[in-house]
């Protein structure tokens, strides 16, 4: 839970904050609320990991395992590299996005590479190192095949999620039937009253 809050919600914030600043009206207000909620999750997640990282040997191992599990999926959340992204150029032209996928990803990695030091943990990227010339962290190649596989419905928990969704839909059939029956009775009453 801590790693998801810190990494996944942290990546979501980095994706959404530029939209908050570029939006107007009700959409902007909704995005600001979403960013505030994600920010709470991100801070809470980091605090959970901080407590684990200061705990027993087993807790430290759990902390590192969680970071290892969620690091690369979080980095992928920004979408494909700009060269391979079918929508980035158009979104930038239309000013839907203020920063490209690669710029957002680089910012996220730069922030997390510093934060993970506070945890006394490491990010699971042997190629991660500070580049003095660029003033950014260099990082290793991203496994985009895994990304595409998840998008095609072949993720690690996809089968279980689909089974749960189907079961939930089937178990909720009686609610939909009751609502339809109520709506039909109400329509009939309204028609009779109009006559």
N, C-alpha and C. Protein backbone atom coordinates (compact mmCIF):
# COMPACT_ATOMS: atom_id res chain seq x y z
N UNK A 1 0.83 -1.19 0.00
CA UNK A 1 0.00 0.00 0.00
C UNK A 1 0.88 1.26 0.00
N UNK A 2 1.95 1.22 0.79
CA UNK A 2 2.82 2.39 0.86
C UNK A 2 3.48 2.70 -0.47
N UNK A 3 3.98 1.67 -1.14
CA UNK A 3 4.67 1.87 -2.42
C UNK A 3 3.68 2.34 -3.48
N UNK A 4 2.48 1.80 -3.45
CA UNK A 4 1.47 2.26 -4.42
C UNK A 4 1.15 3.73 -4.19
N UNK A 5 0.96 4.10 -2.92
CA UNK A 5 0.68 5.50 -2.62
C UNK A 5 1.80 6.42 -3.06
N UNK A 6 3.03 6.05 -2.67
CA UNK A 6 4.17 6.91 -2.96
C UNK A 6 4.46 6.96 -4.45
N UNK A 7 4.54 5.80 -5.10
CA UNK A 7 4.97 5.76 -6.50
C UNK A 7 3.83 5.95 -7.48
N UNK A 8 2.79 5.14 -7.37
CA UNK A 8 1.70 5.20 -8.36
C UNK A 8 0.94 6.52 -8.25
N UNK A 9 0.55 6.88 -7.03
CA UNK A 9 -0.17 8.15 -6.88
C UNK A 9 0.76 9.34 -7.14
N UNK A 10 2.04 9.18 -6.79
CA UNK A 10 3.01 10.23 -7.11
C UNK A 10 3.11 10.46 -8.60
N UNK A 11 3.13 9.38 -9.38
CA UNK A 11 3.17 9.51 -10.84
C UNK A 11 1.88 10.14 -11.36
N UNK A 12 0.75 9.76 -10.76
CA UNK A 12 -0.52 10.35 -11.17
C UNK A 12 -0.53 11.86 -10.93
N UNK A 13 0.01 12.28 -9.80
CA UNK A 13 0.06 13.72 -9.51
C UNK A 13 0.89 14.44 -10.57
N UNK A 14 2.04 13.89 -10.89
CA UNK A 14 2.90 14.55 -11.89
C UNK A 14 2.21 14.63 -13.25
N UNK A 15 1.36 13.65 -13.55
CA UNK A 15 0.61 13.68 -14.80
C UNK A 15 -0.52 14.70 -14.74
N UNK A 16 -1.14 14.87 -13.57
CA UNK A 16 -2.36 15.67 -13.46
C UNK A 16 -2.13 17.13 -13.13
N UNK A 17 -1.09 17.46 -12.39
CA UNK A 17 -0.88 18.85 -11.98
C UNK A 17 -0.80 19.79 -13.18
N UNK A 18 -0.05 19.44 -14.25
CA UNK A 18 -0.07 20.35 -15.40
C UNK A 18 -1.46 20.55 -15.99
N UNK A 19 -2.32 19.53 -15.92
CA UNK A 19 -3.69 19.68 -16.41
C UNK A 19 -4.47 20.64 -15.53
N UNK A 20 -4.24 20.60 -14.22
CA UNK A 20 -4.93 21.51 -13.30
C UNK A 20 -4.61 22.96 -13.66
N UNK A 21 -3.36 23.21 -13.96
CA UNK A 21 -2.93 24.58 -14.23
C UNK A 21 -3.37 25.07 -15.60
N UNK A 22 -3.62 24.14 -16.53
CA UNK A 22 -3.99 24.53 -17.89
C UNK A 22 -5.50 24.54 -18.09
N UNK A 23 -6.26 24.07 -17.10
CA UNK A 23 -7.71 23.93 -17.26
C UNK A 23 -8.45 25.14 -16.70
N UNK A 24 -9.71 25.23 -17.06
CA UNK A 24 -10.56 26.32 -16.59
C UNK A 24 -11.87 25.76 -16.07
N UNK A 25 -12.53 26.51 -15.21
CA UNK A 25 -13.88 26.19 -14.77
C UNK A 25 -13.99 24.92 -13.95
N UNK A 26 -15.14 24.25 -14.08
CA UNK A 26 -15.42 23.08 -13.25
C UNK A 26 -14.38 21.97 -13.41
N UNK A 27 -13.86 21.79 -14.62
CA UNK A 27 -12.86 20.75 -14.84
C UNK A 27 -11.62 21.03 -14.01
N UNK A 28 -11.19 22.28 -13.97
CA UNK A 28 -10.00 22.63 -13.18
C UNK A 28 -10.26 22.39 -11.70
N UNK A 29 -11.45 22.77 -11.22
CA UNK A 29 -11.76 22.54 -9.80
C UNK A 29 -11.76 21.06 -9.48
N UNK A 30 -12.29 20.24 -10.38
CA UNK A 30 -12.29 18.78 -10.16
C UNK A 30 -10.87 18.24 -10.15
N UNK A 31 -10.04 18.70 -11.07
CA UNK A 31 -8.66 18.23 -11.13
C UNK A 31 -7.89 18.62 -9.88
N UNK A 32 -8.15 19.81 -9.36
CA UNK A 32 -7.47 20.25 -8.13
C UNK A 32 -7.86 19.34 -6.98
N UNK A 33 -9.14 18.99 -6.88
CA UNK A 33 -9.58 18.08 -5.81
C UNK A 33 -8.90 16.71 -5.96
N UNK A 34 -8.84 16.22 -7.19
CA UNK A 34 -8.20 14.92 -7.45
C UNK A 34 -6.73 14.98 -7.04
N UNK A 35 -6.04 16.05 -7.43
CA UNK A 35 -4.62 16.18 -7.09
C UNK A 35 -4.42 16.25 -5.58
N UNK A 36 -5.32 16.93 -4.87
CA UNK A 36 -5.19 16.99 -3.41
C UNK A 36 -5.35 15.60 -2.80
N UNK A 37 -6.30 14.83 -3.31
CA UNK A 37 -6.50 13.48 -2.78
C UNK A 37 -5.29 12.60 -3.10
N UNK A 38 -4.81 12.66 -4.32
CA UNK A 38 -3.64 11.87 -4.70
C UNK A 38 -2.43 12.29 -3.87
N UNK A 39 -2.33 13.57 -3.58
CA UNK A 39 -1.22 14.07 -2.77
C UNK A 39 -1.27 13.47 -1.36
N UNK A 40 -2.47 13.37 -0.82
CA UNK A 40 -2.63 12.74 0.50
C UNK A 40 -2.14 11.29 0.44
N UNK A 41 -2.56 10.55 -0.58
CA UNK A 41 -2.14 9.16 -0.72
C UNK A 41 -0.63 9.05 -0.88
N UNK A 42 -0.06 9.97 -1.66
CA UNK A 42 1.38 9.93 -1.90
C UNK A 42 2.14 10.17 -0.60
N UNK A 43 1.73 11.18 0.17
CA UNK A 43 2.41 11.46 1.44
C UNK A 43 2.22 10.32 2.44
N UNK A 44 1.00 9.80 2.51
CA UNK A 44 0.72 8.68 3.41
C UNK A 44 1.55 7.45 3.02
N UNK A 45 1.64 7.17 1.72
CA UNK A 45 2.42 6.04 1.25
C UNK A 45 3.89 6.18 1.61
N UNK A 46 4.42 7.39 1.43
CA UNK A 46 5.82 7.60 1.77
C UNK A 46 6.05 7.41 3.26
N UNK A 47 5.12 7.89 4.07
CA UNK A 47 5.24 7.73 5.53
C UNK A 47 5.21 6.25 5.93
N UNK A 48 4.36 5.47 5.27
CA UNK A 48 4.31 4.03 5.55
C UNK A 48 5.67 3.39 5.24
N UNK A 49 6.22 3.74 4.07
CA UNK A 49 7.53 3.18 3.70
C UNK A 49 8.62 3.68 4.64
N UNK A 50 8.52 4.92 5.08
CA UNK A 50 9.51 5.46 6.01
C UNK A 50 9.51 4.66 7.31
N UNK A 51 8.31 4.35 7.81
CA UNK A 51 8.22 3.56 9.04
C UNK A 51 8.79 2.15 8.83
N UNK A 52 8.46 1.54 7.69
CA UNK A 52 9.01 0.22 7.40
C UNK A 52 10.54 0.27 7.30
N UNK A 53 11.04 1.30 6.64
CA UNK A 53 12.49 1.39 6.42
C UNK A 53 13.25 1.58 7.73
N UNK A 54 12.57 2.02 8.77
CA UNK A 54 13.21 2.22 10.08
C UNK A 54 12.96 1.05 11.02
N UNK A 55 12.27 0.03 10.52
CA UNK A 55 11.88 -1.09 11.36
C UNK A 55 12.88 -2.23 11.36
N UNK A 56 12.34 -3.41 11.56
CA UNK A 56 13.16 -4.62 11.64
C UNK A 56 13.74 -4.96 10.26
N UNK A 57 14.61 -5.94 10.25
CA UNK A 57 15.21 -6.40 8.99
C UNK A 57 14.12 -6.87 8.03
N UNK A 58 13.14 -7.58 8.56
CA UNK A 58 12.03 -8.07 7.74
C UNK A 58 11.21 -6.91 7.17
N UNK A 59 10.97 -5.87 7.98
CA UNK A 59 10.22 -4.71 7.50
C UNK A 59 11.00 -3.96 6.42
N UNK A 60 12.30 -3.85 6.59
CA UNK A 60 13.12 -3.21 5.56
C UNK A 60 13.07 -4.00 4.26
N UNK A 61 13.09 -5.33 4.36
CA UNK A 61 13.00 -6.17 3.17
C UNK A 61 11.64 -5.97 2.49
N UNK A 62 10.57 -5.90 3.30
CA UNK A 62 9.23 -5.66 2.74
C UNK A 62 9.19 -4.32 2.01
N UNK A 63 9.81 -3.31 2.60
CA UNK A 63 9.84 -1.99 1.99
C UNK A 63 10.55 -2.04 0.63
N UNK A 64 11.71 -2.67 0.59
CA UNK A 64 12.46 -2.76 -0.67
C UNK A 64 11.71 -3.58 -1.70
N UNK A 65 11.08 -4.69 -1.26
CA UNK A 65 10.30 -5.52 -2.19
C UNK A 65 9.16 -4.74 -2.81
N UNK A 66 8.49 -3.91 -2.00
CA UNK A 66 7.36 -3.12 -2.51
C UNK A 66 7.86 -2.09 -3.53
N UNK A 67 8.98 -1.47 -3.25
CA UNK A 67 9.55 -0.50 -4.20
C UNK A 67 9.93 -1.22 -5.50
N UNK A 68 10.54 -2.39 -5.35
CA UNK A 68 10.94 -3.17 -6.54
C UNK A 68 9.71 -3.52 -7.39
N UNK A 69 8.61 -3.86 -6.74
CA UNK A 69 7.39 -4.28 -7.45
C UNK A 69 6.74 -3.12 -8.21
N UNK A 70 6.72 -1.92 -7.63
CA UNK A 70 5.92 -0.84 -8.18
C UNK A 70 6.73 0.22 -8.92
N UNK A 71 8.06 0.14 -8.91
CA UNK A 71 8.86 1.18 -9.56
C UNK A 71 8.60 1.25 -11.07
N UNK A 72 8.83 0.16 -11.78
CA UNK A 72 8.70 0.23 -13.24
C UNK A 72 7.27 0.49 -13.71
N UNK A 73 6.24 -0.12 -13.11
CA UNK A 73 4.88 0.26 -13.52
C UNK A 73 4.59 1.75 -13.32
N UNK A 74 5.17 2.34 -12.27
CA UNK A 74 4.97 3.78 -12.03
C UNK A 74 5.65 4.61 -13.11
N UNK A 75 6.84 4.21 -13.51
CA UNK A 75 7.57 4.92 -14.56
C UNK A 75 6.82 4.82 -15.89
N UNK A 76 6.14 3.70 -16.10
CA UNK A 76 5.38 3.50 -17.34
C UNK A 76 4.09 4.31 -17.37
N UNK A 77 3.63 4.79 -16.22
CA UNK A 77 2.35 5.51 -16.17
C UNK A 77 2.33 6.77 -17.01
N UNK A 78 3.48 7.27 -17.39
CA UNK A 78 3.53 8.49 -18.19
C UNK A 78 3.29 8.22 -19.66
N UNK A 79 3.16 6.95 -20.00
CA UNK A 79 2.90 6.56 -21.38
C UNK A 79 4.19 6.30 -22.13
N UNK A 80 4.07 5.89 -23.37
CA UNK A 80 5.25 5.52 -24.15
C UNK A 80 6.20 6.70 -24.36
N UNK A 81 7.42 6.38 -24.72
CA UNK A 81 8.38 7.44 -25.06
C UNK A 81 7.77 8.33 -26.13
N UNK A 82 8.16 9.59 -26.14
CA UNK A 82 7.57 10.55 -27.07
C UNK A 82 7.69 10.12 -28.53
N UNK A 83 8.79 9.45 -28.87
CA UNK A 83 8.99 8.99 -30.25
C UNK A 83 7.96 7.93 -30.64
N UNK A 84 7.46 7.18 -29.66
CA UNK A 84 6.52 6.09 -29.92
C UNK A 84 5.09 6.42 -29.52
N UNK A 85 4.86 7.62 -29.03
CA UNK A 85 3.53 7.99 -28.55
C UNK A 85 2.70 8.57 -29.69
N UNK A 86 1.56 7.94 -30.00
CA UNK A 86 0.76 8.44 -31.12
C UNK A 86 0.03 9.75 -30.81
N UNK A 87 -0.03 10.15 -29.53
CA UNK A 87 -0.86 11.31 -29.17
C UNK A 87 -0.07 12.50 -28.62
N UNK A 88 1.17 12.30 -28.22
CA UNK A 88 1.90 13.38 -27.55
C UNK A 88 2.02 14.63 -28.41
N UNK A 89 2.45 14.50 -29.64
CA UNK A 89 2.66 15.68 -30.50
C UNK A 89 1.37 16.47 -30.67
N UNK A 90 0.28 15.78 -30.94
CA UNK A 90 -1.00 16.47 -31.12
C UNK A 90 -1.46 17.11 -29.81
N UNK A 91 -1.33 16.40 -28.71
CA UNK A 91 -1.74 16.95 -27.41
C UNK A 91 -0.92 18.19 -27.06
N UNK A 92 0.33 18.21 -27.43
CA UNK A 92 1.17 19.38 -27.19
C UNK A 92 0.74 20.53 -28.10
N UNK A 93 0.45 20.23 -29.37
CA UNK A 93 0.01 21.26 -30.32
C UNK A 93 -1.30 21.90 -29.86
N UNK A 94 -2.21 21.07 -29.37
CA UNK A 94 -3.51 21.57 -28.93
C UNK A 94 -3.46 22.14 -27.51
N UNK A 95 -2.28 22.08 -26.90
CA UNK A 95 -2.05 22.58 -25.55
C UNK A 95 -2.88 21.85 -24.50
N UNK A 96 -3.20 20.58 -24.80
CA UNK A 96 -3.84 19.72 -23.80
C UNK A 96 -2.79 19.33 -22.77
N UNK A 97 -1.59 19.07 -23.26
CA UNK A 97 -0.47 18.74 -22.38
C UNK A 97 0.54 19.87 -22.43
N UNK A 98 1.10 20.18 -21.28
CA UNK A 98 2.15 21.21 -21.22
C UNK A 98 3.54 20.59 -21.25
N UNK A 99 3.62 19.30 -20.89
CA UNK A 99 4.90 18.60 -20.85
C UNK A 99 4.73 17.26 -21.55
N UNK A 100 5.77 16.81 -22.20
CA UNK A 100 5.70 15.53 -22.90
C UNK A 100 5.81 14.38 -21.91
N UNK A 101 5.50 13.19 -22.38
CA UNK A 101 5.63 11.99 -21.54
C UNK A 101 7.04 11.86 -20.98
N UNK A 102 8.02 12.07 -21.85
CA UNK A 102 9.42 11.93 -21.43
C UNK A 102 9.82 12.99 -20.41
N UNK A 103 9.34 14.21 -20.58
CA UNK A 103 9.64 15.27 -19.60
C UNK A 103 9.02 14.96 -18.25
N UNK A 104 7.77 14.51 -18.25
CA UNK A 104 7.10 14.16 -16.99
C UNK A 104 7.79 12.98 -16.31
N UNK A 105 8.15 11.98 -17.10
CA UNK A 105 8.82 10.80 -16.55
C UNK A 105 10.17 11.19 -15.94
N UNK A 106 10.93 12.05 -16.64
CA UNK A 106 12.23 12.47 -16.13
C UNK A 106 12.08 13.22 -14.81
N UNK A 107 11.09 14.08 -14.72
CA UNK A 107 10.84 14.82 -13.49
C UNK A 107 10.50 13.86 -12.34
N UNK A 108 9.66 12.88 -12.62
CA UNK A 108 9.28 11.88 -11.62
C UNK A 108 10.50 11.11 -11.13
N UNK A 109 11.33 10.66 -12.05
CA UNK A 109 12.52 9.89 -11.68
C UNK A 109 13.48 10.74 -10.87
N UNK A 110 13.66 12.00 -11.27
CA UNK A 110 14.55 12.88 -10.52
C UNK A 110 14.08 13.05 -9.07
N UNK A 111 12.78 13.22 -8.88
CA UNK A 111 12.23 13.39 -7.53
C UNK A 111 12.37 12.10 -6.72
N UNK A 112 11.96 10.99 -7.31
CA UNK A 112 11.98 9.71 -6.57
C UNK A 112 13.40 9.25 -6.26
N UNK A 113 14.34 9.53 -7.14
CA UNK A 113 15.73 9.13 -6.90
C UNK A 113 16.28 9.83 -5.67
N UNK A 114 15.80 11.02 -5.39
CA UNK A 114 16.22 11.73 -4.18
C UNK A 114 15.43 11.25 -2.96
N UNK A 115 14.13 11.05 -3.13
CA UNK A 115 13.30 10.62 -2.00
C UNK A 115 13.68 9.24 -1.49
N UNK A 116 14.05 8.33 -2.39
CA UNK A 116 14.37 6.97 -1.97
C UNK A 116 15.59 6.95 -1.06
N UNK A 117 16.45 7.96 -1.18
CA UNK A 117 17.62 8.05 -0.30
C UNK A 117 17.18 8.27 1.15
N UNK A 118 16.10 9.03 1.34
CA UNK A 118 15.58 9.25 2.70
C UNK A 118 15.09 7.95 3.33
N UNK A 119 14.66 7.02 2.48
CA UNK A 119 14.19 5.73 2.97
C UNK A 119 15.35 4.78 3.24
N UNK A 120 16.53 5.12 2.72
CA UNK A 120 17.66 4.20 2.84
C UNK A 120 17.49 2.98 1.94
N UNK A 121 16.68 3.11 0.91
CA UNK A 121 16.42 2.04 -0.04
C UNK A 121 17.02 2.41 -1.38
N UNK A 122 16.87 1.54 -2.36
CA UNK A 122 17.35 1.82 -3.71
C UNK A 122 16.24 1.55 -4.71
N UNK A 123 16.25 2.29 -5.79
CA UNK A 123 15.32 2.01 -6.88
C UNK A 123 15.89 0.86 -7.69
N UNK A 124 15.03 -0.03 -8.20
CA UNK A 124 15.51 -1.24 -8.89
C UNK A 124 15.96 -0.98 -10.33
N UNK A 125 16.90 -0.07 -10.47
CA UNK A 125 17.41 0.26 -11.79
C UNK A 125 18.93 0.39 -11.68
N UNK A 126 19.66 -0.62 -12.12
CA UNK A 126 21.13 -0.57 -12.00
C UNK A 126 21.77 0.56 -12.82
N UNK A 127 21.01 1.08 -13.80
CA UNK A 127 21.55 2.16 -14.64
C UNK A 127 21.26 3.55 -14.09
N UNK A 128 20.55 3.64 -12.99
CA UNK A 128 20.18 4.93 -12.42
C UNK A 128 21.42 5.62 -11.84
N UNK A 129 21.72 6.81 -12.38
CA UNK A 129 22.84 7.58 -11.83
C UNK A 129 22.66 9.04 -12.24
N UNK A 130 23.20 9.90 -11.39
CA UNK A 130 23.12 11.34 -11.64
C UNK A 130 24.02 11.71 -12.81
N UNK A 131 23.47 12.49 -13.74
CA UNK A 131 24.22 12.97 -14.89
C UNK A 131 24.49 14.46 -14.65
N UNK A 132 25.72 14.76 -14.27
CA UNK A 132 26.09 16.14 -13.91
C UNK A 132 25.88 17.10 -15.09
N UNK A 133 26.16 16.63 -16.29
CA UNK A 133 26.04 17.49 -17.47
C UNK A 133 24.57 17.85 -17.75
N UNK A 134 23.69 16.87 -17.67
CA UNK A 134 22.27 17.11 -17.94
C UNK A 134 21.52 17.66 -16.73
N UNK A 135 22.09 17.47 -15.53
CA UNK A 135 21.43 17.84 -14.27
C UNK A 135 20.14 17.06 -14.08
N UNK A 136 20.18 15.80 -14.49
CA UNK A 136 19.07 14.86 -14.33
C UNK A 136 19.66 13.48 -14.07
N UNK A 137 18.80 12.58 -13.60
CA UNK A 137 19.22 11.19 -13.44
C UNK A 137 19.06 10.46 -14.76
N UNK A 138 20.08 9.73 -15.14
CA UNK A 138 19.96 8.79 -16.26
C UNK A 138 19.33 7.53 -15.70
N UNK A 139 18.57 6.83 -16.52
CA UNK A 139 17.92 5.60 -16.07
C UNK A 139 17.94 4.57 -17.17
N UNK A 140 17.68 3.33 -16.78
CA UNK A 140 17.76 2.21 -17.71
C UNK A 140 16.57 2.11 -18.64
N UNK A 141 16.65 1.16 -19.56
CA UNK A 141 15.56 0.98 -20.54
C UNK A 141 14.30 0.47 -19.86
N UNK A 142 13.18 0.92 -20.38
CA UNK A 142 11.87 0.52 -19.87
C UNK A 142 11.37 -0.65 -20.71
N UNK A 143 10.80 -1.64 -20.06
CA UNK A 143 10.26 -2.81 -20.76
C UNK A 143 8.87 -2.47 -21.30
N UNK A 144 8.83 -1.89 -22.48
CA UNK A 144 7.54 -1.46 -23.05
C UNK A 144 6.68 -2.64 -23.47
N UNK A 145 7.29 -3.81 -23.64
CA UNK A 145 6.50 -5.00 -23.96
C UNK A 145 5.55 -5.32 -22.80
N UNK A 146 6.05 -5.18 -21.57
CA UNK A 146 5.20 -5.38 -20.40
C UNK A 146 4.04 -4.38 -20.41
N UNK A 147 4.33 -3.14 -20.74
CA UNK A 147 3.31 -2.08 -20.81
C UNK A 147 2.23 -2.45 -21.83
N UNK A 148 2.65 -2.82 -23.04
CA UNK A 148 1.69 -3.19 -24.09
C UNK A 148 0.88 -4.42 -23.69
N UNK A 149 1.53 -5.36 -23.04
CA UNK A 149 0.86 -6.57 -22.59
C UNK A 149 -0.27 -6.24 -21.60
N UNK A 150 0.01 -5.34 -20.67
CA UNK A 150 -1.01 -4.94 -19.69
C UNK A 150 -2.17 -4.23 -20.41
N UNK A 151 -1.84 -3.34 -21.36
CA UNK A 151 -2.89 -2.64 -22.09
C UNK A 151 -3.78 -3.58 -22.89
N UNK A 152 -3.22 -4.70 -23.32
CA UNK A 152 -3.99 -5.67 -24.09
C UNK A 152 -4.78 -6.62 -23.19
N UNK A 153 -4.75 -6.37 -21.89
CA UNK A 153 -5.54 -7.19 -20.96
C UNK A 153 -4.82 -8.41 -20.44
N UNK A 154 -3.51 -8.44 -20.56
CA UNK A 154 -2.74 -9.59 -20.10
C UNK A 154 -1.87 -9.24 -18.90
N UNK A 155 -2.36 -8.34 -18.05
CA UNK A 155 -1.61 -7.95 -16.87
C UNK A 155 -1.60 -9.05 -15.82
N UNK A 156 -0.78 -8.86 -14.77
CA UNK A 156 -0.61 -9.91 -13.77
C UNK A 156 -1.89 -10.29 -13.02
N UNK A 157 -2.82 -9.37 -12.87
CA UNK A 157 -4.05 -9.66 -12.12
C UNK A 157 -5.30 -9.49 -12.98
N UNK A 158 -5.13 -9.40 -14.29
CA UNK A 158 -6.25 -9.10 -15.16
C UNK A 158 -7.36 -10.15 -15.07
N UNK A 159 -7.01 -11.43 -15.07
CA UNK A 159 -8.01 -12.49 -15.01
C UNK A 159 -8.85 -12.38 -13.74
N UNK A 160 -8.18 -12.16 -12.61
CA UNK A 160 -8.90 -12.04 -11.34
C UNK A 160 -9.80 -10.81 -11.32
N UNK A 161 -9.31 -9.68 -11.87
CA UNK A 161 -10.13 -8.46 -11.92
C UNK A 161 -11.36 -8.68 -12.78
N UNK A 162 -11.19 -9.33 -13.93
CA UNK A 162 -12.33 -9.57 -14.82
C UNK A 162 -13.34 -10.51 -14.17
N UNK A 163 -12.85 -11.55 -13.50
CA UNK A 163 -13.75 -12.47 -12.81
C UNK A 163 -14.54 -11.74 -11.73
N UNK A 164 -13.87 -10.87 -10.98
CA UNK A 164 -14.55 -10.11 -9.92
C UNK A 164 -15.58 -9.16 -10.51
N UNK A 165 -15.25 -8.55 -11.64
CA UNK A 165 -16.19 -7.62 -12.27
C UNK A 165 -17.43 -8.36 -12.79
N UNK A 166 -17.22 -9.49 -13.42
CA UNK A 166 -18.34 -10.29 -13.94
C UNK A 166 -19.22 -10.77 -12.79
N UNK A 167 -18.58 -11.29 -11.74
CA UNK A 167 -19.32 -11.77 -10.57
C UNK A 167 -20.14 -10.63 -9.94
N UNK A 168 -19.51 -9.47 -9.80
CA UNK A 168 -20.20 -8.31 -9.23
C UNK A 168 -21.39 -7.91 -10.10
N UNK A 169 -21.20 -7.92 -11.40
CA UNK A 169 -22.30 -7.57 -12.31
C UNK A 169 -23.45 -8.57 -12.19
N UNK A 170 -23.10 -9.84 -12.14
CA UNK A 170 -24.14 -10.88 -12.02
C UNK A 170 -24.86 -10.79 -10.69
N UNK A 171 -24.13 -10.58 -9.61
CA UNK A 171 -24.74 -10.49 -8.28
C UNK A 171 -25.56 -9.22 -8.11
N UNK A 172 -25.30 -8.21 -8.92
CA UNK A 172 -26.06 -6.96 -8.85
C UNK A 172 -27.25 -6.92 -9.80
N UNK A 173 -27.53 -8.02 -10.49
CA UNK A 173 -28.63 -8.05 -11.45
C UNK A 173 -29.96 -7.72 -10.78
N UNK A 174 -30.18 -8.21 -9.57
CA UNK A 174 -31.45 -7.98 -8.89
C UNK A 174 -31.69 -6.49 -8.62
N UNK A 175 -30.62 -5.73 -8.40
CA UNK A 175 -30.77 -4.29 -8.16
C UNK A 175 -31.22 -3.60 -9.44
N UNK A 176 -30.60 -3.96 -10.56
CA UNK A 176 -30.99 -3.37 -11.84
C UNK A 176 -32.42 -3.75 -12.21
N UNK A 177 -32.79 -5.01 -11.95
CA UNK A 177 -34.16 -5.45 -12.23
C UNK A 177 -35.16 -4.71 -11.37
N UNK A 178 -34.86 -4.54 -10.08
CA UNK A 178 -35.77 -3.82 -9.18
C UNK A 178 -35.90 -2.36 -9.60
N UNK A 179 -34.79 -1.74 -9.99
CA UNK A 179 -34.84 -0.35 -10.42
C UNK A 179 -35.66 -0.20 -11.70
N UNK A 180 -35.52 -1.15 -12.62
CA UNK A 180 -36.30 -1.10 -13.87
C UNK A 180 -37.79 -1.30 -13.58
N UNK A 181 -38.11 -2.24 -12.68
CA UNK A 181 -39.52 -2.47 -12.33
C UNK A 181 -40.12 -1.23 -11.68
N UNK A 182 -39.37 -0.59 -10.79
CA UNK A 182 -39.85 0.62 -10.13
C UNK A 182 -40.07 1.73 -11.16
N UNK A 183 -39.12 1.89 -12.08
CA UNK A 183 -39.25 2.93 -13.10
C UNK A 183 -40.47 2.66 -13.99
N UNK A 184 -40.72 1.39 -14.32
CA UNK A 184 -41.88 1.03 -15.14
C UNK A 184 -43.18 1.35 -14.41
N UNK A 185 -43.27 0.97 -13.13
CA UNK A 185 -44.48 1.27 -12.35
C UNK A 185 -44.71 2.77 -12.25
N UNK A 186 -43.64 3.50 -12.05
CA UNK A 186 -43.76 4.95 -11.94
C UNK A 186 -44.24 5.55 -13.26
N UNK A 187 -43.71 5.05 -14.37
CA UNK A 187 -44.13 5.53 -15.69
C UNK A 187 -45.61 5.24 -15.92
N UNK A 188 -46.04 4.03 -15.53
CA UNK A 188 -47.46 3.66 -15.68
C UNK A 188 -48.35 4.57 -14.84
N UNK A 189 -47.95 4.86 -13.61
CA UNK A 189 -48.73 5.76 -12.74
C UNK A 189 -48.83 7.15 -13.34
N UNK A 190 -47.72 7.62 -13.88
CA UNK A 190 -47.70 8.96 -14.49
C UNK A 190 -48.63 9.00 -15.69
N UNK A 191 -48.64 7.93 -16.49
CA UNK A 191 -49.51 7.88 -17.66
C UNK A 191 -51.00 7.84 -17.24
N UNK A 192 -51.31 7.05 -16.20
CA UNK A 192 -52.69 6.96 -15.73
C UNK A 192 -53.15 8.30 -15.18
N UNK A 193 -52.28 9.00 -14.46
CA UNK A 193 -52.63 10.27 -13.87
C UNK A 193 -52.86 11.33 -14.95
N UNK A 194 -52.17 11.17 -16.08
CA UNK A 194 -52.31 12.15 -17.17
C UNK A 194 -53.62 11.96 -17.94
N UNK A 195 -54.22 10.75 -17.82
CA UNK A 195 -55.43 10.46 -18.58
C UNK A 195 -56.65 11.02 -17.93
